[in-house]
């Protein structure tokens, strides 16, 4: 009878430890799954931003190709000098509208 009680107490103790380990494992898995869900959401947002940037770049490339095909390379150079580097002609005044 004493051996049976020891055995049952050991068995219950082992079961408690196993259930505790199982609980901890599931808890960690839940946090990991939540983190992966956030990473996936961030990746989807980044993908949408990259798609928009790609569409913008494709449109800009098409405009530049039209300039080049029409032989207006000087206009294209002037456009880039003004937009990207802020260059203007000496007699030209540029006004910016504050929003």
PDB file of N, CA and C in Angstrom:
ATOM      1  N   UNK A   1       0.810  -1.184   0.000  1.00  0.00           N
ATOM      2  CA  UNK A   1       0.000   0.000   0.000  1.00  0.00           C
ATOM      3  C   UNK A   1       0.864   1.262   0.000  1.00  0.00           C
ATOM      4  N   UNK A   2       1.955   1.230   0.781  1.00  0.00           N
ATOM      5  CA  UNK A   2       2.844   2.383   0.848  1.00  0.00           C
ATOM      6  C   UNK A   2       3.515   2.599  -0.502  1.00  0.00           C
ATOM      7  N   UNK A   3       3.904   1.499  -1.164  1.00  0.00           N
ATOM      8  CA  UNK A   3       4.540   1.621  -2.479  1.00  0.00           C
ATOM      9  C   UNK A   3       3.565   2.190  -3.490  1.00  0.00           C
ATOM     10  N   UNK A   4       2.311   1.831  -3.394  1.00  0.00           N
ATOM     11  CA  UNK A   4       1.313   2.357  -4.325  1.00  0.00           C
ATOM     12  C   UNK A   4       1.130   3.857  -4.133  1.00  0.00           C
ATOM     13  N   UNK A   5       1.121   4.336  -2.878  1.00  0.00           N
ATOM     14  CA  UNK A   5       0.976   5.762  -2.605  1.00  0.00           C
ATOM     15  C   UNK A   5       2.189   6.526  -3.117  1.00  0.00           C
ATOM     16  N   UNK A   6       3.399   5.967  -2.893  1.00  0.00           N
ATOM     17  CA  UNK A   6       4.611   6.603  -3.408  1.00  0.00           C
ATOM     18  C   UNK A   6       4.565   6.675  -4.932  1.00  0.00           C
ATOM     19  N   UNK A   7       4.142   5.558  -5.526  1.00  0.00           N
ATOM     20  CA  UNK A   7       4.063   5.503  -6.984  1.00  0.00           C
ATOM     21  C   UNK A   7       3.045   6.519  -7.498  1.00  0.00           C
ATOM     22  N   UNK A   8       1.905   6.592  -6.867  1.00  0.00           N
ATOM     23  CA  UNK A   8       0.878   7.520  -7.327  1.00  0.00           C
ATOM     24  C   UNK A   8       1.309   8.960  -7.076  1.00  0.00           C
ATOM     25  N   UNK A   9       1.996   9.255  -5.985  1.00  0.00           N
ATOM     26  CA  UNK A   9       2.490  10.603  -5.732  1.00  0.00           C
ATOM     27  C   UNK A   9       3.558  10.984  -6.761  1.00  0.00           C
ATOM     28  N   UNK A  10       4.455  10.044  -7.055  1.00  0.00           N
ATOM     29  CA  UNK A  10       5.489  10.302  -8.069  1.00  0.00           C
ATOM     30  C   UNK A  10       4.839  10.504  -9.428  1.00  0.00           C
ATOM     31  N   UNK A  11       3.856   9.674  -9.716  1.00  0.00           N
ATOM     32  CA  UNK A  11       3.161   9.769 -11.000  1.00  0.00           C
ATOM     33  C   UNK A  11       2.475  11.133 -11.132  1.00  0.00           C
ATOM     34  N   UNK A  12       1.810  11.574 -10.073  1.00  0.00           N
ATOM     35  CA  UNK A  12       1.133  12.868 -10.076  1.00  0.00           C
ATOM     36  C   UNK A  12       2.157  14.001 -10.190  1.00  0.00           C
ATOM     37  N   UNK A  13       3.286  13.871  -9.486  1.00  0.00           N
ATOM     38  CA  UNK A  13       4.323  14.887  -9.565  1.00  0.00           C
ATOM     39  C   UNK A  13       4.888  14.985 -10.978  1.00  0.00           C
ATOM     40  N   UNK A  14       5.128  13.831 -11.595  1.00  0.00           N
ATOM     41  CA  UNK A  14       5.637  13.814 -12.980  1.00  0.00           C
ATOM     42  C   UNK A  14       4.610  14.427 -13.919  1.00  0.00           C
ATOM     43  N   UNK A  15       3.336  14.103 -13.730  1.00  0.00           N
ATOM     44  CA  UNK A  15       2.288  14.683 -14.574  1.00  0.00           C
ATOM     45  C   UNK A  15       2.217  16.201 -14.401  1.00  0.00           C
ATOM     46  N   UNK A  16       2.340  16.667 -13.168  1.00  0.00           N
ATOM     47  CA  UNK A  16       2.314  18.115 -12.916  1.00  0.00           C
ATOM     48  C   UNK A  16       3.477  18.810 -13.624  1.00  0.00           C
ATOM     49  N   UNK A  17       4.650  18.216 -13.538  1.00  0.00           N
ATOM     50  CA  UNK A  17       5.819  18.791 -14.215  1.00  0.00           C
ATOM     51  C   UNK A  17       5.612  18.795 -15.721  1.00  0.00           C
ATOM     52  N   UNK A  18       5.092  17.704 -16.272  1.00  0.00           N
ATOM     53  CA  UNK A  18       4.853  17.635 -17.717  1.00  0.00           C
ATOM     54  C   UNK A  18       3.823  18.668 -18.160  1.00  0.00           C
ATOM     55  N   UNK A  19       2.740  18.796 -17.382  1.00  0.00           N
ATOM     56  CA  UNK A  19       1.740  19.797 -17.734  1.00  0.00           C
ATOM     57  C   UNK A  19       2.293  21.214 -17.608  1.00  0.00           C
ATOM     58  N   UNK A  20       3.135  21.440 -16.608  1.00  0.00           N
ATOM     59  CA  UNK A  20       3.760  22.761 -16.466  1.00  0.00           C
ATOM     60  C   UNK A  20       4.655  23.053 -17.668  1.00  0.00           C
ATOM     61  N   UNK A  21       5.444  22.069 -18.093  1.00  0.00           N
ATOM     62  CA  UNK A  21       6.303  22.248 -19.270  1.00  0.00           C
ATOM     63  C   UNK A  21       5.470  22.460 -20.528  1.00  0.00           C
ATOM     64  N   UNK A  22       4.396  21.721 -20.636  1.00  0.00           N
ATOM     65  CA  UNK A  22       3.504  21.886 -21.780  1.00  0.00           C
ATOM     66  C   UNK A  22       2.901  23.294 -21.789  1.00  0.00           C
ATOM     67  N   UNK A  23       2.486  23.762 -20.625  1.00  0.00           N
ATOM     68  CA  UNK A  23       1.920  25.105 -20.527  1.00  0.00           C
ATOM     69  C   UNK A  23       2.926  26.173 -20.900  1.00  0.00           C
ATOM     70  N   UNK A  24       4.146  26.028 -20.393  1.00  0.00           N
ATOM     71  CA  UNK A  24       5.196  26.996 -20.725  1.00  0.00           C
ATOM     72  C   UNK A  24       5.496  26.968 -22.221  1.00  0.00           C
ATOM     73  N   UNK A  25       5.550  25.783 -22.799  1.00  0.00           N
ATOM     74  CA  UNK A  25       5.819  25.664 -24.238  1.00  0.00           C
ATOM     75  C   UNK A  25       4.727  26.332 -25.057  1.00  0.00           C
ATOM     76  N   UNK A  26       3.472  26.089 -24.683  1.00  0.00           N
ATOM     77  CA  UNK A  26       2.365  26.715 -25.413  1.00  0.00           C
ATOM     78  C   UNK A  26       2.374  28.225 -25.242  1.00  0.00           C
ATOM     79  N   UNK A  27       2.733  28.693 -24.060  1.00  0.00           N
ATOM     80  CA  UNK A  27       2.810  30.121 -23.799  1.00  0.00           C
ATOM     81  C   UNK A  27       3.877  30.761 -24.676  1.00  0.00           C
ATOM     82  N   UNK A  28       5.060  30.129 -24.747  1.00  0.00           N
ATOM     83  CA  UNK A  28       6.137  30.652 -25.596  1.00  0.00           C
ATOM     84  C   UNK A  28       5.739  30.616 -27.063  1.00  0.00           C
ATOM     85  N   UNK A  29       5.087  29.541 -27.468  1.00  0.00           N
ATOM     86  CA  UNK A  29       4.639  29.418 -28.854  1.00  0.00           C
ATOM     87  C   UNK A  29       3.646  30.527 -29.196  1.00  0.00           C
ATOM     88  N   UNK A  30       2.766  30.849 -28.245  1.00  0.00           N
ATOM     89  CA  UNK A  30       1.797  31.923 -28.470  1.00  0.00           C
ATOM     90  C   UNK A  30       2.482  33.256 -28.690  1.00  0.00           C
ATOM     91  N   UNK A  31       3.487  33.568 -27.869  1.00  0.00           N
ATOM     92  CA  UNK A  31       4.216  34.820 -28.057  1.00  0.00           C
ATOM     93  C   UNK A  31       4.978  34.826 -29.374  1.00  0.00           C
ATOM     94  N   UNK A  32       5.540  33.697 -29.740  1.00  0.00           N
ATOM     95  CA  UNK A  32       6.278  33.625 -30.997  1.00  0.00           C
ATOM     96  C   UNK A  32       5.326  33.799 -32.173  1.00  0.00           C
ATOM     97  N   UNK A  33       4.157  33.172 -32.103  1.00  0.00           N
ATOM     98  CA  UNK A  33       3.168  33.303 -33.174  1.00  0.00           C
ATOM     99  C   UNK A  33       2.692  34.745 -33.279  1.00  0.00           C
ATOM    100  N   UNK A  34       2.498  35.416 -32.148  1.00  0.00           N
ATOM    101  CA  UNK A  34       2.083  36.819 -32.163  1.00  0.00           C
ATOM    102  C   UNK A  34       3.162  37.687 -32.804  1.00  0.00           C
ATOM    103  N   UNK A  35       4.432  37.408 -32.478  1.00  0.00           N
ATOM    104  CA  UNK A  35       5.534  38.152 -33.084  1.00  0.00           C
ATOM    105  C   UNK A  35       5.613  37.936 -34.588  1.00  0.00           C
ATOM    106  N   UNK A  36       5.387  36.705 -35.016  1.00  0.00           N
ATOM    107  CA  UNK A  36       5.397  36.411 -36.447  1.00  0.00           C
ATOM    108  C   UNK A  36       4.239  37.108 -37.151  1.00  0.00           C
ATOM    109  N   UNK A  37       3.102  37.188 -36.472  1.00  0.00           N
ATOM    110  CA  UNK A  37       1.952  37.870 -37.045  1.00  0.00           C
ATOM    111  C   UNK A  37       2.280  39.344 -37.265  1.00  0.00           C
ATOM    112  N   UNK A  38       2.931  39.968 -36.290  1.00  0.00           N
ATOM    113  CA  UNK A  38       3.330  41.376 -36.444  1.00  0.00           C
ATOM    114  C   UNK A  38       4.354  41.550 -37.556  1.00  0.00           C
ATOM    115  N   UNK A  39       5.299  40.640 -37.646  1.00  0.00           N
ATOM    116  CA  UNK A  39       6.296  40.714 -38.722  1.00  0.00           C
ATOM    117  C   UNK A  39       5.630  40.590 -40.083  1.00  0.00           C
ATOM    118  N   UNK A  40       4.657  39.690 -40.182  1.00  0.00           N
ATOM    119  CA  UNK A  40       3.937  39.517 -41.442  1.00  0.00           C
ATOM    120  C   UNK A  40       3.176  40.782 -41.803  1.00  0.00           C
ATOM    121  N   UNK A  41       2.519  41.400 -40.831  1.00  0.00           N
ATOM    122  CA  UNK A  41       1.778  42.627 -41.086  1.00  0.00           C
ATOM    123  C   UNK A  41       2.725  43.733 -41.555  1.00  0.00           C
ATOM    124  N   UNK A  42       3.879  43.851 -40.900  1.00  0.00           N
ATOM    125  CA  UNK A  42       4.860  44.867 -41.304  1.00  0.00           C
ATOM    126  C   UNK A  42       5.398  44.597 -42.699  1.00  0.00           C
ATOM    127  N   UNK A  43       5.609  43.326 -43.019  1.00  0.00           N
ATOM    128  CA  UNK A  43       6.104  42.972 -44.357  1.00  0.00           C
ATOM    129  C   UNK A  43       5.059  43.292 -45.420  1.00  0.00           C
ATOM    130  N   UNK A  44       3.775  43.082 -45.102  1.00  0.00           N
ATOM    131  CA  UNK A  44       2.722  43.402 -46.070  1.00  0.00           C
ATOM    132  C   UNK A  44       2.637  44.904 -46.303  1.00  0.00           C
ATOM    133  N   UNK A  45       2.789  45.692 -45.247  1.00  0.00           N
ATOM    134  CA  UNK A  45       2.783  47.153 -45.382  1.00  0.00           C
ATOM    135  C   UNK A  45       3.967  47.598 -46.236  1.00  0.00           C
ATOM    136  N   UNK A  46       5.139  47.040 -45.975  1.00  0.00           N
ATOM    137  CA  UNK A  46       6.343  47.377 -46.745  1.00  0.00           C
ATOM    138  C   UNK A  46       6.164  46.991 -48.207  1.00  0.00           C
ATOM    139  N   UNK A  47       5.535  45.842 -48.453  1.00  0.00           N
ATOM    140  CA  UNK A  47       5.290  45.401 -49.823  1.00  0.00           C
ATOM    141  C   UNK A  47       4.402  46.394 -50.562  1.00  0.00           C
ATOM    142  N   UNK A  48       3.346  46.875 -49.907  1.00  0.00           N
ATOM    143  CA  UNK A  48       2.465  47.855 -50.530  1.00  0.00           C
ATOM    144  C   UNK A  48       3.217  49.150 -50.829  1.00  0.00           C
ATOM    145  N   UNK A  49       4.049  49.598 -49.902  1.00  0.00           N
ATOM    146  CA  UNK A  49       4.836  50.805 -50.128  1.00  0.00           C
ATOM    147  C   UNK A  49       5.793  50.617 -51.293  1.00  0.00           C
ATOM    148  N   UNK A  50       6.423  49.456 -51.363  1.00  0.00           N
ATOM    149  CA  UNK A  50       7.352  49.178 -52.454  1.00  0.00           C
ATOM    150  C   UNK A  50       6.629  49.117 -53.790  1.00  0.00           C
ATOM    151  N   UNK A  51       5.403  48.564 -53.797  1.00  0.00           N
ATOM    152  CA  UNK A  51       4.624  48.523 -55.041  1.00  0.00           C
ATOM    153  C   UNK A  51       4.299  49.930 -55.519  1.00  0.00           C
ATOM    154  N   UNK A  52       3.901  50.803 -54.576  1.00  0.00           N
ATOM    155  CA  UNK A  52       3.595  52.186 -54.943  1.00  0.00           C
ATOM    156  C   UNK A  52       4.843  52.892 -55.473  1.00  0.00           C
ATOM    157  N   UNK A  53       5.978  52.659 -54.814  1.00  0.00           N
ATOM    158  CA  UNK A  53       7.231  53.267 -55.257  1.00  0.00           C
ATOM    159  C   UNK A  53       7.618  52.750 -56.643  1.00  0.00           C
ATOM    160  N   UNK A  54       7.405  51.466 -56.883  1.00  0.00           N
ATOM    161  CA  UNK A  54       7.711  50.886 -58.193  1.00  0.00           C
ATOM    162  C   UNK A  54       6.838  51.505 -59.275  1.00  0.00           C
ATOM    163  N   UNK A  55       5.537  51.663 -59.007  1.00  0.00           N
ATOM    164  CA  UNK A  55       4.643  52.267 -59.990  1.00  0.00           C
ATOM    165  C   UNK A  55       5.069  53.699 -60.295  1.00  0.00           C
ATOM    166  N   UNK A  56       5.455  54.429 -59.258  1.00  0.00           N
ATOM    167  CA  UNK A  56       5.919  55.796 -59.449  1.00  0.00           C
ATOM    168  C   UNK A  56       7.180  55.824 -60.304  1.00  0.00           C
ATOM    169  N   UNK A  57       8.094  54.907 -60.033  1.00  0.00           N
ATOM    170  CA  UNK A  57       9.345  54.854 -60.791  1.00  0.00           C
ATOM    171  C   UNK A  57       9.092  54.449 -62.242  1.00  0.00           C
ATOM    172  N   UNK A  58       8.165  53.532 -62.462  1.00  0.00           N
ATOM    173  CA  UNK A  58       7.828  53.127 -63.835  1.00  0.00           C
ATOM    174  C   UNK A  58       7.251  54.313 -64.599  1.00  0.00           C
ATOM    175  N   UNK A  59       6.371  55.088 -63.943  1.00  0.00           N
ATOM    176  CA  UNK A  59       5.786  56.259 -64.595  1.00  0.00           C
ATOM    177  C   UNK A  59       6.872  57.296 -64.911  1.00  0.00           C
ATOM    178  N   UNK A  60       7.767  57.520 -63.961  1.00  0.00           N
ATOM    179  CA  UNK A  60       8.849  58.487 -64.193  1.00  0.00           C
ATOM    180  C   UNK A  60       9.759  58.016 -65.331  1.00  0.00           C
ATOM    181  N   UNK A  61      10.048  56.721 -65.371  1.00  0.00           N
ATOM    182  CA  UNK A  61      10.872  56.183 -66.451  1.00  0.00           C
ATOM    183  C   UNK A  61      10.198  56.367 -67.806  1.00  0.00           C
ATOM    184  N   UNK A  62       8.882  56.175 -67.850  1.00  0.00           N
ATOM    185  CA  UNK A  62       8.150  56.356 -69.105  1.00  0.00           C
ATOM    186  C   UNK A  62       8.219  57.813 -69.558  1.00  0.00           C
ATOM    187  N   UNK A  63       8.076  58.740 -68.614  1.00  0.00           N
ATOM    188  CA  UNK A  63       8.181  60.162 -68.955  1.00  0.00           C
ATOM    189  C   UNK A  63       9.582  60.496 -69.473  1.00  0.00           C
ATOM    190  N   UNK A  64      10.586  59.960 -68.808  1.00  0.00           N
ATOM    191  CA  UNK A  64      11.966  60.210 -69.244  1.00  0.00           C
ATOM    192  C   UNK A  64      12.229  59.603 -70.612  1.00  0.00           C
ATOM    193  N   UNK A  65      11.687  58.414 -70.851  1.00  0.00           N
ATOM    194  CA  UNK A  65      11.850  57.764 -72.155  1.00  0.00           C
ATOM    195  C   UNK A  65      11.199  58.613 -73.243  1.00  0.00           C
ATOM    196  N   UNK A  66      10.044  59.214 -72.936  1.00  0.00           N
ATOM    197  CA  UNK A  66       9.374  60.076 -73.918  1.00  0.00           C
ATOM    198  C   UNK A  66      10.237  61.299 -74.227  1.00  0.00           C
ATOM    199  N   UNK A  67      10.850  61.892 -73.197  1.00  0.00           N
ATOM    200  CA  UNK A  67      11.756  63.025 -73.429  1.00  0.00           C
ATOM    201  C   UNK A  67      12.901  62.614 -74.340  1.00  0.00           C
ATOM    202  N   UNK A  68      13.495  61.473 -74.047  1.00  0.00           N
ATOM    203  CA  UNK A  68      14.657  61.015 -74.814  1.00  0.00           C
ATOM    204  C   UNK A  68      14.259  60.682 -76.249  1.00  0.00           C
ATOM    205  N   UNK A  69      13.119  59.998 -76.402  1.00  0.00           N
ATOM    206  CA  UNK A  69      12.670  59.612 -77.746  1.00  0.00           C
ATOM    207  C   UNK A  69      12.330  60.824 -78.598  1.00  0.00           C
ATOM    208  N   UNK A  70      11.847  61.890 -77.991  1.00  0.00           N
ATOM    209  CA  UNK A  70      11.494  63.100 -78.734  1.00  0.00           C
ATOM    210  C   UNK A  70      12.694  64.000 -78.982  1.00  0.00           C
ATOM    211  N   UNK A  71      13.832  63.625 -78.448  1.00  0.00           N
ATOM    212  CA  UNK A  71      15.043  64.417 -78.653  1.00  0.00           C
ATOM    213  C   UNK A  71      15.151  65.617 -77.732  1.00  0.00           C
ATOM    214  N   UNK A  72      14.334  65.680 -76.695  1.00  0.00           N
ATOM    215  CA  UNK A  72      14.351  66.808 -75.766  1.00  0.00           C
ATOM    216  C   UNK A  72      15.235  66.507 -74.560  1.00  0.00           C
ATOM    217  N   UNK A  73      16.438  66.045 -74.806  1.00  0.00           N
ATOM    218  CA  UNK A  73      17.341  65.675 -73.712  1.00  0.00           C
ATOM    219  C   UNK A  73      17.726  66.895 -72.879  1.00  0.00           C
ATOM    220  N   UNK A  74      17.816  68.067 -73.532  1.00  0.00           N
ATOM    221  CA  UNK A  74      18.156  69.285 -72.785  1.00  0.00           C
ATOM    222  C   UNK A  74      17.054  69.657 -71.794  1.00  0.00           C
ATOM    223  N   UNK A  75      15.812  69.455 -72.199  1.00  0.00           N
ATOM    224  CA  UNK A  75      14.696  69.718 -71.281  1.00  0.00           C
ATOM    225  C   UNK A  75      14.742  68.752 -70.099  1.00  0.00           C
ATOM    226  N   UNK A  76      15.093  67.507 -70.362  1.00  0.00           N
ATOM    227  CA  UNK A  76      15.182  66.511 -69.294  1.00  0.00           C
ATOM    228  C   UNK A  76      16.298  66.885 -68.307  1.00  0.00           C
ATOM    229  N   UNK A  77      17.429  67.300 -68.831  1.00  0.00           N
ATOM    230  CA  UNK A  77      18.550  67.717 -67.965  1.00  0.00           C
ATOM    231  C   UNK A  77      18.141  68.932 -67.140  1.00  0.00           C
ATOM    232  N   UNK A  78      17.465  69.886 -67.769  1.00  0.00           N
ATOM    233  CA  UNK A  78      17.017  71.077 -67.056  1.00  0.00           C
ATOM    234  C   UNK A  78      16.018  70.714 -65.952  1.00  0.00           C
ATOM    235  N   UNK A  79      15.105  69.820 -66.281  1.00  0.00           N
ATOM    236  CA  UNK A  79      14.105  69.379 -65.297  1.00  0.00           C
ATOM    237  C   UNK A  79      14.781  68.759 -64.072  1.00  0.00           C
ATOM    238  N   UNK A  80      15.729  67.866 -64.296  1.00  0.00           N
ATOM    239  CA  UNK A  80      16.424  67.221 -63.176  1.00  0.00           C
ATOM    240  C   UNK A  80      17.279  68.207 -62.388  1.00  0.00           C
ATOM    241  N   UNK A  81      17.896  69.142 -63.065  1.00  0.00           N
ATOM    242  CA  UNK A  81      18.722  70.136 -62.371  1.00  0.00           C
ATOM    243  C   UNK A  81      17.852  70.998 -61.455  1.00  0.00           C
ATOM    244  N   UNK A  82      16.668  71.341 -61.915  1.00  0.00           N
ATOM    245  CA  UNK A  82      15.777  72.164 -61.096  1.00  0.00           C
ATOM    246  C   UNK A  82      15.169  71.359 -59.947  1.00  0.00           C
ATOM    247  N   UNK A  83      14.660  70.153 -60.241  1.00  0.00           N
ATOM    248  CA  UNK A  83      13.950  69.363 -59.231  1.00  0.00           C
ATOM    249  C   UNK A  83      14.887  68.760 -58.190  1.00  0.00           C
ATOM    250  N   UNK A  84      16.020  68.244 -58.624  1.00  0.00           N
ATOM    251  CA  UNK A  84      16.882  67.501 -57.705  1.00  0.00           C
ATOM    252  C   UNK A  84      17.972  68.343 -57.058  1.00  0.00           C
ATOM    253  N   UNK A  85      18.414  69.384 -57.748  1.00  0.00           N
ATOM    254  CA  UNK A  85      19.534  70.160 -57.230  1.00  0.00           C
ATOM    255  C   UNK A  85      19.199  71.620 -56.948  1.00  0.00           C
ATOM    256  N   UNK A  86      17.983  72.032 -57.286  1.00  0.00           N
ATOM    257  CA  UNK A  86      17.559  73.395 -56.998  1.00  0.00           C
ATOM    258  C   UNK A  86      18.186  74.443 -57.899  1.00  0.00           C
ATOM    259  N   UNK A  87      18.725  74.039 -59.045  1.00  0.00           N
ATOM    260  CA  UNK A  87      19.335  74.995 -59.964  1.00  0.00           C
ATOM    261  C   UNK A  87      18.250  75.833 -60.648  1.00  0.00           C
ATOM    262  N   UNK A  88      18.566  77.094 -60.869  1.00  0.00           N
ATOM    263  CA  UNK A  88      17.685  77.995 -61.611  1.00  0.00           C
ATOM    264  C   UNK A  88      18.552  78.886 -62.494  1.00  0.00           C
ATOM    265  N   UNK A  89      17.914  79.510 -63.471  1.00  0.00           N
ATOM    266  CA  UNK A  89      18.630  80.474 -64.300  1.00  0.00           C
ATOM    267  C   UNK A  89      18.861  81.743 -63.482  1.00  0.00           C
ATOM    268  N   UNK A  90      19.906  82.518 -63.830  1.00  0.00           N
ATOM    269  CA  UNK A  90      20.212  83.731 -63.041  1.00  0.00           C
ATOM    270  C   UNK A  90      19.040  84.714 -62.965  1.00  0.00           C
ATOM    271  N   UNK A  91      18.249  84.810 -64.028  1.00  0.00           N
ATOM    272  CA  UNK A  91      17.140  85.771 -64.026  1.00  0.00           C
ATOM    273  C   UNK A  91      15.813  85.122 -63.614  1.00  0.00           C
ATOM    274  N   UNK A  92      15.862  83.919 -63.131  1.00  0.00           N
ATOM    275  CA  UNK A  92      14.647  83.181 -62.774  1.00  0.00           C
ATOM    276  C   UNK A  92      14.423  83.238 -61.260  1.00  0.00           C
ATOM    277  N   UNK A  93      13.176  83.444 -60.858  1.00  0.00           N
ATOM    278  CA  UNK A  93      12.812  83.479 -59.442  1.00  0.00           C
ATOM    279  C   UNK A  93      11.874  82.308 -59.157  1.00  0.00           C
ATOM    280  N   UNK A  94      12.162  81.579 -58.092  1.00  0.00           N
ATOM    281  CA  UNK A  94      11.342  80.429 -57.717  1.00  0.00           C
ATOM    282  C   UNK A  94      10.625  80.739 -56.422  1.00  0.00           C
ATOM    283  N   UNK A  95       9.315  80.511 -56.424  1.00  0.00           N
ATOM    284  CA  UNK A  95       8.501  80.740 -55.235  1.00  0.00           C
ATOM    285  C   UNK A  95       7.923  79.390 -54.790  1.00  0.00           C
ATOM    286  N   UNK A  96       7.945  79.139 -53.497  1.00  0.00           N
ATOM    287  CA  UNK A  96       7.390  77.917 -52.948  1.00  0.00           C
ATOM    288  C   UNK A  96       6.138  78.240 -52.154  1.00  0.00           C
ATOM    289  N   UNK A  97       5.141  77.440 -52.315  1.00  0.00           N
ATOM    290  CA  UNK A  97       3.881  77.640 -51.601  1.00  0.00           C
ATOM    291  C   UNK A  97       3.922  76.768 -50.351  1.00  0.00           C
ATOM    292  N   UNK A  98       3.805  77.409 -49.190  1.00  0.00           N
ATOM    293  CA  UNK A  98       3.814  76.667 -47.926  1.00  0.00           C
ATOM    294  C   UNK A  98       2.443  76.041 -47.702  1.00  0.00           C
ATOM    295  N   UNK A  99       2.446  74.813 -47.229  1.00  0.00           N
ATOM    296  CA  UNK A  99       1.162  74.133 -47.011  1.00  0.00           C
ATOM    297  C   UNK A  99       0.902  73.963 -45.555  1.00  0.00           C
TER     298      UNK A  99
END
